[in-house]
Structures are given as C-alpha cells and as structure tokens.
Amino acid sequence: MFNGIVQWGLYFVCALACFWAWDKMFFWLQQKDMKAIIRILGAVLLFTPAPLDSTALEVDASNYAPAFLVILFRSFLENNASILDAVIYMLAGLFIGLILMSLLSLFNFLRTKFTAQNE
C-alpha cells in the first residue's frame, strides 16, 4: 500500500526543515561547542531510525520509524514493550555524532595551530 522509500524521502525533507527550525531555535546560545552539542541532539532526535518490531529479522524500509516515535508509541500504546533497542539506536547515533564533533574540533585545532606557525 505504501512505498517505504517514498515515505522515508518525504520524512527526510520534513526532518531537514525541522532541523533548520531546531537550529534557529537556539540562536541565543553564544558558545560554539554548546551549540554543536545541541545540533547533534537535534540531529539524533530527528534522523535516527529504529525498527518497529524488535523481533523482526527482515530489513525493510517500512519496518523502520524514527526512534523517538518508536519509544513514544511503545511506551504509551503497548503493554510491557521494551524500548531498549530504540534507546540503543539513539545512543549509538549520539555517540557517533559526538565522535564526529570531537574529530572536527581536533581538525580545527590542528589547522589553526599550523596556520599560526606558518605566518
């Protein structure tokens, strides 16, 4: 009935608009690193998929949903449903985002250090 790729494409476009709004919502933050952490949190919240059914073994686009929605729906609509797998997906996304932020900070530090020495 529904094409999973089309749904995810439409969700991606809408999530990009929401991520832009998320970024603009924290305009008042002056510290660059804190703003980067807030961006990572927003990106993980919007762009991390999780399987709808934790016992399903097939990898199908229609079997996935945004992790925060999976957590929300399992918590409120299902009895004794485990949300641990969706939380792990979100924590893994957060961990990857923080590693990328650390690598970018290291790259910027080394670039400014070597640029200052060459001048």
Protein backbone atom coordinates (compact mmCIF):
# COMPACT_ATOMS: atom_id res chain seq x y z
CA MET A 1 0.00 0.00 0.00
CA PHE A 2 2.78 2.44 0.91
CA ASN A 3 6.24 2.64 -0.58
CA GLY A 4 8.79 2.78 2.24
CA ILE A 5 11.42 4.64 0.21
CA VAL A 6 8.96 7.39 -0.71
CA GLN A 7 7.84 7.72 2.91
CA TRP A 8 11.41 7.99 4.15
CA GLY A 9 12.24 10.51 1.43
CA LEU A 10 9.31 12.66 2.44
CA TYR A 11 10.22 12.29 6.10
CA PHE A 12 13.84 13.28 5.34
CA VAL A 13 12.72 16.51 3.63
CA CYS A 14 10.41 17.36 6.54
CA ALA A 15 13.09 16.45 9.09
CA LEU A 16 15.54 18.78 7.34
CA ALA A 17 13.04 21.62 7.73
CA CYS A 18 12.56 20.71 11.40
CA PHE A 19 16.33 20.53 11.91
CA TRP A 20 16.67 24.01 10.42
CA ALA A 21 14.00 25.25 12.85
CA TRP A 22 15.76 23.42 15.72
CA ASP A 23 19.00 25.20 14.84
CA LYS A 24 17.28 28.60 14.67
CA MET A 25 15.51 27.98 17.98
CA PHE A 26 18.84 28.11 19.84
CA PHE A 27 20.04 31.39 18.31
CA TRP A 28 20.68 32.78 21.77
CA LEU A 29 23.50 30.31 22.53
CA GLN A 30 26.83 32.03 22.12
CA GLN A 31 29.22 29.20 22.95
CA LYS A 32 30.15 27.33 19.78
CA ASP A 33 30.67 23.90 21.38
CA MET A 34 27.39 24.00 23.27
CA LYS A 35 25.58 24.94 20.08
CA ALA A 36 27.23 21.98 18.31
CA ILE A 37 26.07 19.60 21.05
CA ILE A 38 22.51 20.94 20.74
CA ARG A 39 22.70 20.41 16.95
CA ILE A 40 23.86 16.82 17.48
CA LEU A 41 20.98 16.19 19.87
CA GLY A 42 18.52 17.56 17.32
CA ALA A 43 20.02 15.51 14.50
CA VAL A 44 19.89 12.32 16.57
CA LEU A 45 16.33 13.03 17.61
CA LEU A 46 15.14 13.61 14.04
CA PHE A 47 17.30 11.33 11.89
CA THR A 48 17.81 8.12 13.91
CA PRO A 49 15.68 5.22 12.65
CA ALA A 50 14.72 2.22 14.78
CA PRO A 51 12.86 -0.99 13.92
CA LEU A 52 9.17 -1.00 14.72
CA ASP A 53 9.28 -4.64 15.75
CA SER A 54 12.41 -5.64 17.64
CA THR A 55 11.86 -9.32 16.86
CA ALA A 56 11.61 -8.88 13.06
CA LEU A 57 14.68 -10.07 11.21
CA GLU A 58 13.95 -8.65 7.74
CA VAL A 59 15.45 -5.32 6.78
CA ASP A 60 12.67 -3.40 5.08
CA ALA A 61 12.23 0.37 4.89
CA SER A 62 8.63 0.07 6.02
CA ASN A 63 9.73 -1.77 9.19
CA TYR A 64 11.57 1.32 10.49
CA ALA A 65 10.41 4.58 12.05
CA PRO A 66 12.12 7.50 13.78
CA ALA A 67 13.48 6.22 17.08
CA PHE A 68 11.81 8.87 19.23
CA LEU A 69 8.42 7.87 17.80
CA VAL A 70 9.13 4.19 18.40
CA ILE A 71 9.97 4.98 22.03
CA LEU A 72 6.90 7.17 22.42
CA PHE A 73 4.45 4.70 20.86
CA ARG A 74 5.85 1.65 22.61
CA SER A 75 5.73 3.44 25.95
CA PHE A 76 2.15 4.63 25.70
CA LEU A 77 0.39 2.18 23.40
CA GLU A 78 1.90 -1.21 24.20
CA ASN A 79 1.92 -3.07 27.48
CA ASN A 80 5.29 -4.31 28.71
CA ALA A 81 7.03 -3.30 25.48
CA SER A 82 10.78 -2.96 25.54
CA ILE A 83 12.11 0.40 24.36
CA LEU A 84 15.73 -0.55 24.98
CA ASP A 85 16.54 -1.28 21.35
CA ALA A 86 15.29 2.14 20.18
CA VAL A 87 17.19 3.84 23.01
CA ILE A 88 20.35 1.99 21.97
CA TYR A 89 19.89 3.20 18.39
CA MET A 90 19.59 6.78 19.66
CA LEU A 91 22.60 6.42 21.96
CA ALA A 92 24.66 4.99 19.10
CA GLY A 93 23.70 7.97 16.94
CA LEU A 94 24.61 10.34 19.75
CA PHE A 95 27.94 8.58 20.25
CA ILE A 96 28.75 8.79 16.53
CA GLY A 97 27.78 12.47 16.49
CA LEU A 98 29.99 13.25 19.47
CA ILE A 99 32.92 11.40 17.90
CA LEU A 100 32.48 13.38 14.69
CA MET A 101 32.27 16.62 16.68
CA SER A 102 35.50 15.69 18.52
CA LEU A 103 37.28 14.91 15.26
CA LEU A 104 36.13 18.19 13.75
CA SER A 105 37.32 20.10 16.82
CA LEU A 106 40.69 18.34 16.64
CA PHE A 107 40.97 19.14 12.93
CA ASN A 108 40.14 22.82 13.54
CA PHE A 109 42.65 22.98 16.43
CA LEU A 110 45.44 21.47 14.33
CA ARG A 111 44.60 23.69 11.36
CA THR A 112 44.74 26.88 13.43
CA LYS A 113 47.91 25.73 15.19
CA PHE A 114 49.80 25.03 11.97
CA THR A 115 48.39 28.12 10.22
CA ALA A 116 49.59 30.33 13.09
CA GLN A 117 53.10 28.80 12.89
CA ASN A 118 53.41 29.40 9.13
CA GLU A 119 52.62 33.12 9.39
